[in-house]
Amino acid sequence: MGTLLDFKIETHNLSFGNTDSKTIVFTTAYTTVPKITATAVNEVGSTSSNLNVYVENVSTTQATIRISAIANATVHVQVIGN
Protein backbone atom coordinates (compact mmCIF):
# COMPACT_ATOMS: atom_id res chain seq x y z
CA MET A 1 0.00 0.00 0.00
CA GLY A 2 1.38 3.39 -0.96
CA THR A 3 1.42 6.57 1.00
CA LEU A 4 -1.23 9.25 0.58
CA LEU A 5 1.15 11.15 -1.68
CA ASP A 6 1.17 8.24 -4.14
CA PHE A 7 -2.54 8.64 -5.00
CA LYS A 8 -4.14 10.80 -7.66
CA ILE A 9 -7.69 12.10 -7.42
CA GLU A 10 -9.67 13.74 -10.19
CA THR A 11 -13.30 14.73 -10.62
CA HIS A 12 -15.64 15.03 -13.57
CA ASN A 13 -19.15 16.47 -13.88
CA LEU A 14 -21.05 14.83 -16.72
CA SER A 15 -24.21 16.31 -18.21
CA PHE A 16 -26.50 13.75 -19.84
CA GLY A 17 -29.21 14.66 -22.33
CA ASN A 18 -30.12 12.46 -25.28
CA THR A 19 -27.83 9.62 -24.28
CA ASP A 20 -27.49 7.13 -21.45
CA SER A 21 -23.69 6.72 -21.55
CA LYS A 22 -20.56 8.82 -21.75
CA THR A 23 -16.89 7.93 -21.86
CA ILE A 24 -14.51 9.95 -19.75
CA VAL A 25 -10.80 10.13 -20.52
CA PHE A 26 -8.71 10.59 -17.40
CA THR A 27 -6.51 13.68 -17.17
CA THR A 28 -3.53 11.41 -16.53
CA ALA A 29 -2.87 7.72 -17.08
CA TYR A 30 -2.91 5.59 -13.93
CA THR A 31 -0.42 2.78 -13.33
CA THR A 32 -3.23 0.50 -12.11
CA VAL A 33 -6.97 0.56 -12.79
CA PRO A 34 -8.41 3.30 -10.53
CA LYS A 35 -11.45 3.12 -8.25
CA ILE A 36 -14.41 5.22 -9.41
CA THR A 37 -17.51 6.56 -7.70
CA ALA A 38 -20.37 8.13 -9.62
CA THR A 39 -23.48 9.80 -8.21
CA ALA A 40 -26.52 11.30 -9.95
CA VAL A 41 -27.20 14.80 -8.66
CA ASN A 42 -30.77 15.56 -7.65
CA GLU A 43 -31.60 18.97 -9.10
CA VAL A 44 -34.88 20.82 -8.55
CA GLY A 45 -37.48 19.49 -10.98
CA SER A 46 -35.22 16.67 -12.11
CA THR A 47 -35.85 12.94 -12.04
CA SER A 48 -32.16 12.12 -11.62
CA SER A 49 -32.84 10.85 -8.10
CA ASN A 50 -34.61 7.90 -9.75
CA LEU A 51 -31.57 6.96 -11.82
CA ASN A 52 -29.03 4.24 -11.25
CA VAL A 53 -25.46 5.03 -12.27
CA TYR A 54 -23.12 2.35 -13.59
CA VAL A 55 -19.34 2.45 -14.07
CA GLU A 56 -18.19 0.21 -16.92
CA ASN A 57 -15.13 -0.58 -19.03
CA VAL A 58 -12.62 0.93 -16.60
CA SER A 59 -9.01 1.02 -17.78
CA THR A 60 -5.95 3.00 -16.76
CA THR A 61 -6.89 5.79 -19.20
CA GLN A 62 -10.72 5.94 -19.38
CA ALA A 63 -14.10 4.65 -18.20
CA THR A 64 -17.71 4.58 -19.37
CA ILE A 65 -20.42 6.04 -17.14
CA ARG A 66 -23.96 4.84 -17.87
CA ILE A 67 -27.31 5.86 -16.39
CA SER A 68 -30.36 3.60 -16.21
CA ALA A 69 -32.52 5.78 -18.49
CA ILE A 70 -32.10 8.62 -20.94
CA ALA A 71 -32.64 11.75 -18.86
CA ASN A 72 -31.43 15.30 -18.38
CA ALA A 73 -29.14 14.52 -15.49
CA THR A 74 -25.80 15.46 -14.01
CA VAL A 75 -23.45 12.81 -12.67
CA HIS A 76 -20.50 13.62 -10.40
CA VAL A 77 -17.56 11.24 -10.90
CA GLN A 78 -14.53 10.79 -8.66
CA VAL A 79 -11.50 8.83 -9.85
CA ILE A 80 -8.94 7.66 -7.28
CA GLY A 81 -5.83 5.67 -8.07
CA ASN A 82 -2.08 5.70 -8.48
PDB file of N, CA and C in Angstrom:
ATOM      1  N   MET A   1       0.849  -1.175   0.000  1.00  0.00           N
ATOM      2  CA  MET A   1       0.000   0.000   0.000  1.00  0.00           C
ATOM      3  C   MET A   1       0.888   1.229   0.000  1.00  0.00           C
ATOM      4  N   GLY A   2       0.587   2.183  -0.863  1.00  0.00           N
ATOM      5  CA  GLY A   2       1.380   3.389  -0.962  1.00  0.00           C
ATOM      6  C   GLY A   2       0.989   4.415   0.073  1.00  0.00           C
ATOM      7  N   THR A   3       1.758   5.468   0.108  1.00  0.00           N
ATOM      8  CA  THR A   3       1.420   6.568   1.003  1.00  0.00           C
ATOM      9  C   THR A   3       0.367   7.449   0.345  1.00  0.00           C
ATOM     10  N   LEU A   4      -0.195   8.352   1.105  1.00  0.00           N
ATOM     11  CA  LEU A   4      -1.228   9.247   0.579  1.00  0.00           C
ATOM     12  C   LEU A   4      -0.703  10.062  -0.603  1.00  0.00           C
ATOM     13  N   LEU A   5       0.570  10.358  -0.601  1.00  0.00           N
ATOM     14  CA  LEU A   5       1.146  11.148  -1.683  1.00  0.00           C
ATOM     15  C   LEU A   5       1.231  10.381  -2.991  1.00  0.00           C
ATOM     16  N   ASP A   6       1.094   9.055  -2.941  1.00  0.00           N
ATOM     17  CA  ASP A   6       1.168   8.239  -4.142  1.00  0.00           C
ATOM     18  C   ASP A   6      -0.137   8.220  -4.926  1.00  0.00           C
ATOM     19  N   PHE A   7      -1.224   8.734  -4.369  1.00  0.00           N
ATOM     20  CA  PHE A   7      -2.536   8.637  -4.995  1.00  0.00           C
ATOM     21  C   PHE A   7      -2.882   9.897  -5.784  1.00  0.00           C
ATOM     22  N   LYS A   8      -3.628   9.690  -6.854  1.00  0.00           N
ATOM     23  CA  LYS A   8      -4.137  10.798  -7.657  1.00  0.00           C
ATOM     24  C   LYS A   8      -5.657  10.789  -7.531  1.00  0.00           C
ATOM     25  N   ILE A   9      -6.244  11.961  -7.472  1.00  0.00           N
ATOM     26  CA  ILE A   9      -7.692  12.096  -7.419  1.00  0.00           C
ATOM     27  C   ILE A   9      -8.117  13.123  -8.467  1.00  0.00           C
ATOM     28  N   GLU A  10      -9.123  12.779  -9.243  1.00  0.00           N
ATOM     29  CA  GLU A  10      -9.670  13.740 -10.188  1.00  0.00           C
ATOM     30  C   GLU A  10     -11.191  13.633 -10.183  1.00  0.00           C
ATOM     31  N   THR A  11     -11.836  14.706 -10.590  1.00  0.00           N
ATOM     32  CA  THR A  11     -13.296  14.726 -10.619  1.00  0.00           C
ATOM     33  C   THR A  11     -13.793  15.140 -11.998  1.00  0.00           C
ATOM     34  N   HIS A  12     -14.984  14.676 -12.316  1.00  0.00           N
ATOM     35  CA  HIS A  12     -15.644  15.027 -13.572  1.00  0.00           C
ATOM     36  C   HIS A  12     -17.110  15.267 -13.276  1.00  0.00           C
ATOM     37  N   ASN A  13     -17.710  16.228 -13.934  1.00  0.00           N
ATOM     38  CA  ASN A  13     -19.152  16.465 -13.882  1.00  0.00           C
ATOM     39  C   ASN A  13     -19.694  16.228 -15.280  1.00  0.00           C
ATOM     40  N   LEU A  14     -20.524  15.201 -15.412  1.00  0.00           N
ATOM     41  CA  LEU A  14     -21.049  14.825 -16.716  1.00  0.00           C
ATOM     42  C   LEU A  14     -22.500  15.258 -16.845  1.00  0.00           C
ATOM     43  N   SER A  15     -22.829  15.920 -17.929  1.00  0.00           N
ATOM     44  CA  SER A  15     -24.213  16.306 -18.211  1.00  0.00           C
ATOM     45  C   SER A  15     -24.760  15.357 -19.263  1.00  0.00           C
ATOM     46  N   PHE A  16     -25.848  14.666 -18.919  1.00  0.00           N
ATOM     47  CA  PHE A  16     -26.499  13.750 -19.840  1.00  0.00           C
ATOM     48  C   PHE A  16     -27.725  14.429 -20.433  1.00  0.00           C
ATOM     49  N   GLY A  17     -28.036  14.109 -21.664  1.00  0.00           N
ATOM     50  CA  GLY A  17     -29.208  14.657 -22.327  1.00  0.00           C
ATOM     51  C   GLY A  17     -29.877  13.564 -23.132  1.00  0.00           C
ATOM     52  N   ASN A  18     -29.502  13.438 -24.392  1.00  0.00           N
ATOM     53  CA  ASN A  18     -30.120  12.460 -25.285  1.00  0.00           C
ATOM     54  C   ASN A  18     -29.330  11.163 -25.359  1.00  0.00           C
ATOM     55  N   THR A  19     -28.623  10.837 -24.304  1.00  0.00           N
ATOM     56  CA  THR A  19     -27.828   9.615 -24.276  1.00  0.00           C
ATOM     57  C   THR A  19     -27.859   9.029 -22.873  1.00  0.00           C
ATOM     58  N   ASP A  20     -27.544   7.745 -22.778  1.00  0.00           N
ATOM     59  CA  ASP A  20     -27.487   7.125 -21.454  1.00  0.00           C
ATOM     60  C   ASP A  20     -26.073   6.699 -21.075  1.00  0.00           C
ATOM     61  N   SER A  21     -25.072   7.056 -21.910  1.00  0.00           N
ATOM     62  CA  SER A  21     -23.690   6.718 -21.548  1.00  0.00           C
ATOM     63  C   SER A  21     -22.720   7.764 -22.083  1.00  0.00           C
ATOM     64  N   LYS A  22     -21.644   7.913 -21.349  1.00  0.00           N
ATOM     65  CA  LYS A  22     -20.564   8.818 -21.752  1.00  0.00           C
ATOM     66  C   LYS A  22     -19.242   8.178 -21.356  1.00  0.00           C
ATOM     67  N   THR A  23     -18.235   8.400 -22.174  1.00  0.00           N
ATOM     68  CA  THR A  23     -16.893   7.927 -21.858  1.00  0.00           C
ATOM     69  C   THR A  23     -16.072   9.103 -21.375  1.00  0.00           C
ATOM     70  N   ILE A  24     -15.417   8.907 -20.237  1.00  0.00           N
ATOM     71  CA  ILE A  24     -14.508   9.946 -19.748  1.00  0.00           C
ATOM     72  C   ILE A  24     -13.081   9.474 -19.965  1.00  0.00           C
ATOM     73  N   VAL A  25     -12.228  10.391 -20.372  1.00  0.00           N
ATOM     74  CA  VAL A  25     -10.799  10.127 -20.516  1.00  0.00           C
ATOM     75  C   VAL A  25     -10.129  10.810 -19.341  1.00  0.00           C
ATOM     76  N   PHE A  26      -9.355  10.055 -18.589  1.00  0.00           N
ATOM     77  CA  PHE A  26      -8.708  10.594 -17.403  1.00  0.00           C
ATOM     78  C   PHE A  26      -7.673  11.645 -17.787  1.00  0.00           C
ATOM     79  N   THR A  27      -7.460  12.596 -16.889  1.00  0.00           N
ATOM     80  CA  THR A  27      -6.506  13.676 -17.167  1.00  0.00           C
ATOM     81  C   THR A  27      -5.070  13.169 -17.163  1.00  0.00           C
ATOM     82  N   THR A  28      -4.841  12.033 -16.536  1.00  0.00           N
ATOM     83  CA  THR A  28      -3.526  11.409 -16.526  1.00  0.00           C
ATOM     84  C   THR A  28      -3.717   9.905 -16.534  1.00  0.00           C
ATOM     85  N   ALA A  29      -2.785   9.175 -17.087  1.00  0.00           N
ATOM     86  CA  ALA A  29      -2.871   7.716 -17.077  1.00  0.00           C
ATOM     87  C   ALA A  29      -2.480   7.198 -15.696  1.00  0.00           C
ATOM     88  N   TYR A  30      -3.195   6.217 -15.226  1.00  0.00           N
ATOM     89  CA  TYR A  30      -2.911   5.591 -13.932  1.00  0.00           C
ATOM     90  C   TYR A  30      -2.070   4.344 -14.163  1.00  0.00           C
ATOM     91  N   THR A  31      -1.253   3.975 -13.186  1.00  0.00           N
ATOM     92  CA  THR A  31      -0.420   2.778 -13.329  1.00  0.00           C
ATOM     93  C   THR A  31      -1.218   1.508 -13.094  1.00  0.00           C
ATOM     94  N   THR A  32      -2.300   1.600 -12.313  1.00  0.00           N
ATOM     95  CA  THR A  32      -3.234   0.496 -12.110  1.00  0.00           C
ATOM     96  C   THR A  32      -4.643   1.027 -12.351  1.00  0.00           C
ATOM     97  N   VAL A  33      -5.588   0.140 -12.546  1.00  0.00           N
ATOM     98  CA  VAL A  33      -6.970   0.555 -12.789  1.00  0.00           C
ATOM     99  C   VAL A  33      -7.490   1.278 -11.548  1.00  0.00           C
ATOM    100  N   PRO A  34      -7.963   2.524 -11.684  1.00  0.00           N
ATOM    101  CA  PRO A  34      -8.408   3.301 -10.529  1.00  0.00           C
ATOM    102  C   PRO A  34      -9.786   2.872 -10.030  1.00  0.00           C
ATOM    103  N   LYS A  35     -10.120   3.281  -8.819  1.00  0.00           N
ATOM    104  CA  LYS A  35     -11.452   3.117  -8.250  1.00  0.00           C
ATOM    105  C   LYS A  35     -12.274   4.341  -8.652  1.00  0.00           C
ATOM    106  N   ILE A  36     -13.560   4.128  -8.939  1.00  0.00           N
ATOM    107  CA  ILE A  36     -14.409   5.222  -9.408  1.00  0.00           C
ATOM    108  C   ILE A  36     -15.729   5.202  -8.652  1.00  0.00           C
ATOM    109  N   THR A  37     -16.160   6.391  -8.225  1.00  0.00           N
ATOM    110  CA  THR A  37     -17.512   6.555  -7.695  1.00  0.00           C
ATOM    111  C   THR A  37     -18.256   7.510  -8.611  1.00  0.00           C
ATOM    112  N   ALA A  38     -19.551   7.277  -8.771  1.00  0.00           N
ATOM    113  CA  ALA A  38     -20.373   8.132  -9.624  1.00  0.00           C
ATOM    114  C   ALA A  38     -21.748   8.273  -8.983  1.00  0.00           C
ATOM    115  N   THR A  39     -22.228   9.516  -8.881  1.00  0.00           N
ATOM    116  CA  THR A  39     -23.485   9.804  -8.208  1.00  0.00           C
ATOM    117  C   THR A  39     -24.321  10.754  -9.050  1.00  0.00           C
ATOM    118  N   ALA A  40     -25.588  10.400  -9.268  1.00  0.00           N
ATOM    119  CA  ALA A  40     -26.515  11.299  -9.955  1.00  0.00           C
ATOM    120  C   ALA A  40     -26.900  12.412  -8.990  1.00  0.00           C
ATOM    121  N   VAL A  41     -26.873  13.643  -9.476  1.00  0.00           N
ATOM    122  CA  VAL A  41     -27.201  14.804  -8.656  1.00  0.00           C
ATOM    123  C   VAL A  41     -28.683  15.090  -8.781  1.00  0.00           C
ATOM    124  N   ASN A  42     -29.342  15.262  -7.667  1.00  0.00           N
ATOM    125  CA  ASN A  42     -30.773  15.564  -7.654  1.00  0.00           C
ATOM    126  C   ASN A  42     -30.954  17.073  -7.733  1.00  0.00           C
ATOM    127  N   GLU A  43     -31.365  17.554  -8.900  1.00  0.00           N
ATOM    128  CA  GLU A  43     -31.599  18.974  -9.099  1.00  0.00           C
ATOM    129  C   GLU A  43     -33.091  19.254  -9.021  1.00  0.00           C
ATOM    130  N   VAL A  44     -33.474  20.442  -8.671  1.00  0.00           N
ATOM    131  CA  VAL A  44     -34.883  20.816  -8.547  1.00  0.00           C
ATOM    132  C   VAL A  44     -35.603  20.547  -9.869  1.00  0.00           C
ATOM    133  N   GLY A  45     -36.707  19.806  -9.790  1.00  0.00           N
ATOM    134  CA  GLY A  45     -37.483  19.494 -10.979  1.00  0.00           C
ATOM    135  C   GLY A  45     -36.915  18.374 -11.819  1.00  0.00           C
ATOM    136  N   SER A  46     -35.870  17.723 -11.351  1.00  0.00           N
ATOM    137  CA  SER A  46     -35.221  16.667 -12.110  1.00  0.00           C
ATOM    138  C   SER A  46     -35.638  15.300 -11.583  1.00  0.00           C
ATOM    139  N   THR A  47     -35.581  14.307 -12.460  1.00  0.00           N
ATOM    140  CA  THR A  47     -35.853  12.936 -12.041  1.00  0.00           C
ATOM    141  C   THR A  47     -34.569  12.151 -11.819  1.00  0.00           C
ATOM    142  N   SER A  48     -33.435  12.837 -11.743  1.00  0.00           N
ATOM    143  CA  SER A  48     -32.162  12.122 -11.619  1.00  0.00           C
ATOM    144  C   SER A  48     -32.060  11.321 -10.334  1.00  0.00           C
ATOM    145  N   SER A  49     -32.890  11.635  -9.322  1.00  0.00           N
ATOM    146  CA  SER A  49     -32.841  10.849  -8.100  1.00  0.00           C
ATOM    147  C   SER A  49     -33.384   9.446  -8.315  1.00  0.00           C
ATOM    148  N   ASN A  50     -34.084   9.227  -9.429  1.00  0.00           N
ATOM    149  CA  ASN A  50     -34.611   7.903  -9.755  1.00  0.00           C
ATOM    150  C   ASN A  50     -33.694   7.124 -10.688  1.00  0.00           C
ATOM    151  N   LEU A  51     -32.501   7.604 -10.904  1.00  0.00           N
ATOM    152  CA  LEU A  51     -31.565   6.959 -11.821  1.00  0.00           C
ATOM    153  C   LEU A  51     -30.561   6.109 -11.074  1.00  0.00           C
ATOM    154  N   ASN A  52     -30.188   5.012 -11.700  1.00  0.00           N
ATOM    155  CA  ASN A  52     -29.033   4.243 -11.252  1.00  0.00           C
ATOM    156  C   ASN A  52     -27.860   4.658 -12.124  1.00  0.00           C
ATOM    157  N   VAL A  53     -26.675   4.668 -11.539  1.00  0.00           N
ATOM    158  CA  VAL A  53     -25.460   5.033 -12.274  1.00  0.00           C
ATOM    159  C   VAL A  53     -24.527   3.830 -12.269  1.00  0.00           C
ATOM    160  N   TYR A  54     -24.004   3.501 -13.440  1.00  0.00           N
ATOM    161  CA  TYR A  54     -23.120   2.351 -13.591  1.00  0.00           C
ATOM    162  C   TYR A  54     -21.764   2.805 -14.116  1.00  0.00           C
ATOM    163  N   VAL A  55     -20.707   2.194 -13.605  1.00  0.00           N
ATOM    164  CA  VAL A  55     -19.345   2.450 -14.069  1.00  0.00           C
ATOM    165  C   VAL A  55     -18.905   1.194 -14.808  1.00  0.00           C
ATOM    166  N   GLU A  56     -18.522   1.353 -16.071  1.00  0.00           N
ATOM    167  CA  GLU A  56     -18.191   0.210 -16.917  1.00  0.00           C
ATOM    168  C   GLU A  56     -16.876   0.446 -17.664  1.00  0.00           C
ATOM    169  N   ASN A  57     -16.298  -0.630 -18.139  1.00  0.00           N
ATOM    170  CA  ASN A  57     -15.128  -0.584 -19.029  1.00  0.00           C
ATOM    171  C   ASN A  57     -14.011   0.296 -18.484  1.00  0.00           C
ATOM    172  N   VAL A  58     -13.664   0.114 -17.229  1.00  0.00           N
ATOM    173  CA  VAL A  58     -12.623   0.934 -16.605  1.00  0.00           C
ATOM    174  C   VAL A  58     -11.254   0.417 -17.019  1.00  0.00           C
ATOM    175  N   SER A  59     -10.402   1.340 -17.463  1.00  0.00           N
ATOM    176  CA  SER A  59      -9.014   1.018 -17.780  1.00  0.00           C
ATOM    177  C   SER A  59      -8.124   2.042 -17.088  1.00  0.00           C
ATOM    178  N   THR A  60      -6.867   2.037 -17.370  1.00  0.00           N
ATOM    179  CA  THR A  60      -5.952   3.002 -16.758  1.00  0.00           C
ATOM    180  C   THR A  60      -6.053   4.385 -17.391  1.00  0.00           C
ATOM    181  N   THR A  61      -6.796   4.507 -18.502  1.00  0.00           N
ATOM    182  CA  THR A  61      -6.894   5.792 -19.201  1.00  0.00           C
ATOM    183  C   THR A  61      -8.313   6.327 -19.357  1.00  0.00           C
ATOM    184  N   GLN A  62      -9.351   5.477 -19.168  1.00  0.00           N
ATOM    185  CA  GLN A  62     -10.718   5.939 -19.378  1.00  0.00           C
ATOM    186  C   GLN A  62     -11.727   5.008 -18.727  1.00  0.00           C
ATOM    187  N   ALA A  63     -12.995   5.460 -18.715  1.00  0.00           N
ATOM    188  CA  ALA A  63     -14.101   4.652 -18.195  1.00  0.00           C
ATOM    189  C   ALA A  63     -15.393   5.116 -18.854  1.00  0.00           C
ATOM    190  N   THR A  64     -16.381   4.242 -18.871  1.00  0.00           N
ATOM    191  CA  THR A  64     -17.706   4.580 -19.372  1.00  0.00           C
ATOM    192  C   THR A  64     -18.647   4.711 -18.190  1.00  0.00           C
ATOM    193  N   ILE A  65     -19.404   5.805 -18.166  1.00  0.00           N
ATOM    194  CA  ILE A  65     -20.416   6.042 -17.136  1.00  0.00           C
ATOM    195  C   ILE A  65     -21.768   5.920 -17.821  1.00  0.00           C
ATOM    196  N   ARG A  66     -22.650   5.074 -17.267  1.00  0.00           N
ATOM    197  CA  ARG A  66     -23.959   4.844 -17.872  1.00  0.00           C
ATOM    198  C   ARG A  66     -25.041   5.091 -16.831  1.00  0.00           C
ATOM    199  N   ILE A  67     -26.157   5.672 -17.272  1.00  0.00           N
ATOM    200  CA  ILE A  67     -27.309   5.863 -16.389  1.00  0.00           C
ATOM    201  C   ILE A  67     -28.434   4.937 -16.856  1.00  0.00           C
ATOM    202  N   SER A  68     -29.356   4.629 -15.951  1.00  0.00           N
ATOM    203  CA  SER A  68     -30.364   3.601 -16.211  1.00  0.00           C
ATOM    204  C   SER A  68     -31.454   4.030 -17.193  1.00  0.00           C
ATOM    205  N   ALA A  69     -31.537   5.301 -17.519  1.00  0.00           N
ATOM    206  CA  ALA A  69     -32.523   5.778 -18.494  1.00  0.00           C
ATOM    207  C   ALA A  69     -32.015   7.066 -19.113  1.00  0.00           C
ATOM    208  N   ILE A  70     -32.452   7.345 -20.320  1.00  0.00           N
ATOM    209  CA  ILE A  70     -32.103   8.623 -20.937  1.00  0.00           C
ATOM    210  C   ILE A  70     -32.829   9.727 -20.174  1.00  0.00           C
ATOM    211  N   ALA A  71     -32.068  10.675 -19.670  1.00  0.00           N
ATOM    212  CA  ALA A  71     -32.645  11.748 -18.856  1.00  0.00           C
ATOM    213  C   ALA A  71     -31.706  12.943 -18.876  1.00  0.00           C
ATOM    214  N   ASN A  72     -32.257  14.117 -18.606  1.00  0.00           N
ATOM    215  CA  ASN A  72     -31.425  15.297 -18.385  1.00  0.00           C
ATOM    216  C   ASN A  72     -30.922  15.195 -16.956  1.00  0.00           C
ATOM    217  N   ALA A  73     -29.694  14.780 -16.820  1.00  0.00           N
ATOM    218  CA  ALA A  73     -29.138  14.520 -15.493  1.00  0.00           C
ATOM    219  C   ALA A  73     -27.680  14.918 -15.456  1.00  0.00           C
ATOM    220  N   THR A  74     -27.197  15.206 -14.254  1.00  0.00           N
ATOM    221  CA  THR A  74     -25.796  15.463 -14.012  1.00  0.00           C
ATOM    222  C   THR A  74     -25.255  14.363 -13.128  1.00  0.00           C
ATOM    223  N   VAL A  75     -24.091  13.843 -13.469  1.00  0.00           N
ATOM    224  CA  VAL A  75     -23.447  12.807 -12.671  1.00  0.00           C
ATOM    225  C   VAL A  75     -22.076  13.320 -12.241  1.00  0.00           C
ATOM    226  N   HIS A  76     -21.815  13.255 -10.944  1.00  0.00           N
ATOM    227  CA  HIS A  76     -20.504  13.619 -10.404  1.00  0.00           C
ATOM    228  C   HIS A  76     -19.662  12.354 -10.314  1.00  0.00           C
ATOM    229  N   VAL A  77     -18.451  12.414 -10.850  1.00  0.00           N
ATOM    230  CA  VAL A  77     -17.563  11.241 -10.904  1.00  0.00           C
ATOM    231  C   VAL A  77     -16.272  11.583 -10.177  1.00  0.00           C
ATOM    232  N   GLN A  78     -15.818  10.662  -9.334  1.00  0.00           N
ATOM    233  CA  GLN A  78     -14.531  10.794  -8.658  1.00  0.00           C
ATOM    234  C   GLN A  78     -13.675   9.585  -9.046  1.00  0.00           C
ATOM    235  N   VAL A  79     -12.437   9.864  -9.441  1.00  0.00           N
ATOM    236  CA  VAL A  79     -11.500   8.825  -9.854  1.00  0.00           C
ATOM    237  C   VAL A  79     -10.327   8.875  -8.880  1.00  0.00           C
ATOM    238  N   ILE A  80     -10.015   7.717  -8.272  1.00  0.00           N
ATOM    239  CA  ILE A  80      -8.945   7.660  -7.285  1.00  0.00           C
ATOM    240  C   ILE A  80      -8.034   6.479  -7.625  1.00  0.00           C
ATOM    241  N   GLY A  81      -6.760   6.741  -7.752  1.00  0.00           N
ATOM    242  CA  GLY A  81      -5.827   5.668  -8.072  1.00  0.00           C
ATOM    243  C   GLY A  81      -4.396   6.135  -7.949  1.00  0.00           C
ATOM    244  N   ASN A  82      -3.489   5.319  -8.486  1.00  0.00           N
ATOM    245  CA  ASN A  82      -2.077   5.703  -8.477  1.00  0.00           C
ATOM    246  C   ASN A  82      -1.443   5.325  -9.794  1.00  0.00           C
TER     247      ASN A  82
END
